[in-house]
Amino acid sequence: NFEIDAFYLIDAGLKSHTNIRNKPLAVQIKCKNLLDRDYYSDVVAGIRFNQGEGRQVTASVVVDF
């Protein structure tokens, strides 16, 4: 049997709603693995350890017409 150490991740996000020319606008920013911790998410057949992703930041803007 193979075991991986326990780990925790912190994710954060901000979302704002407003209007531009009477059209709804939403702006969103997300950050996964905020502290950029190294971790292994899984072990495959006792041969390969899958390393988790580092910090990821995404942003989006949505306008409804």
Protein backbone atom coordinates (compact mmCIF):
# COMPACT_ATOMS: atom_id res chain seq x y z
CA ASN A 1 0.00 0.00 0.00
CA PHE A 2 1.07 3.53 -0.74
CA GLU A 3 -0.17 6.55 1.13
CA ILE A 4 0.11 10.26 0.50
CA ASP A 5 0.30 12.90 3.20
CA ALA A 6 -2.80 14.88 4.08
CA PHE A 7 -2.94 18.36 2.60
CA TYR A 8 -5.17 21.39 2.58
CA LEU A 9 -5.63 24.13 0.00
CA ILE A 10 -7.00 27.63 0.26
CA ASP A 11 -9.06 29.00 -2.63
CA ALA A 12 -10.36 32.56 -2.81
CA GLY A 13 -12.55 34.58 -5.12
CA LEU A 14 -14.07 37.99 -5.64
CA LYS A 15 -17.13 38.84 -7.70
CA SER A 16 -18.66 42.23 -8.42
CA HIS A 17 -21.90 43.17 -10.18
CA THR A 18 -22.58 46.56 -11.75
CA ASN A 19 -24.26 48.14 -14.78
CA ILE A 20 -22.76 49.77 -17.83
CA ARG A 21 -25.23 51.68 -20.05
CA ASN A 22 -28.08 49.80 -18.33
CA LYS A 23 -26.53 46.41 -19.15
CA PRO A 24 -25.61 44.03 -16.30
CA LEU A 25 -21.86 43.47 -15.92
CA ALA A 26 -20.17 40.90 -13.68
CA VAL A 27 -16.42 40.79 -13.00
CA GLN A 28 -14.92 37.78 -11.24
CA ILE A 29 -11.41 36.81 -10.08
CA LYS A 30 -10.62 33.36 -8.65
CA CYS A 31 -7.41 32.00 -7.13
CA LYS A 32 -6.88 28.29 -6.53
CA ASN A 33 -4.10 27.10 -4.19
CA LEU A 34 -3.63 30.64 -2.91
CA LEU A 35 -0.55 29.75 -0.82
CA ASP A 36 1.07 27.88 -3.76
CA ARG A 37 1.66 24.72 -1.69
CA ASP A 38 3.26 21.61 -3.17
CA TYR A 39 1.11 18.51 -2.75
CA TYR A 40 0.39 15.12 -4.29
CA SER A 41 -3.24 14.53 -5.16
CA ASP A 42 -3.09 10.81 -5.82
CA VAL A 43 -1.00 7.65 -6.27
CA VAL A 44 -1.51 5.53 -9.38
CA ALA A 45 -0.84 1.79 -8.98
CA GLY A 46 1.95 2.52 -6.50
CA ILE A 47 4.13 3.63 -9.40
CA ARG A 48 3.32 7.26 -10.10
CA PHE A 49 2.53 10.15 -7.76
CA ASN A 50 0.36 12.87 -9.31
CA GLN A 51 1.57 16.26 -8.22
CA GLY A 52 -1.15 18.88 -7.67
CA GLU A 53 -1.35 22.14 -9.55
CA GLY A 54 0.40 25.26 -8.29
CA ARG A 55 -1.33 28.61 -7.85
CA GLN A 56 -3.86 29.38 -10.60
CA VAL A 57 -5.52 32.77 -11.10
CA THR A 58 -8.44 33.26 -13.50
CA ALA A 59 -10.52 36.31 -14.32
CA SER A 60 -13.75 36.70 -16.22
CA VAL A 61 -16.05 39.49 -17.38
CA VAL A 62 -19.67 38.81 -18.32
CA VAL A 63 -21.96 41.34 -20.03
CA ASP A 64 -25.62 40.50 -20.70
CA PHE A 65 -27.12 42.08 -23.83
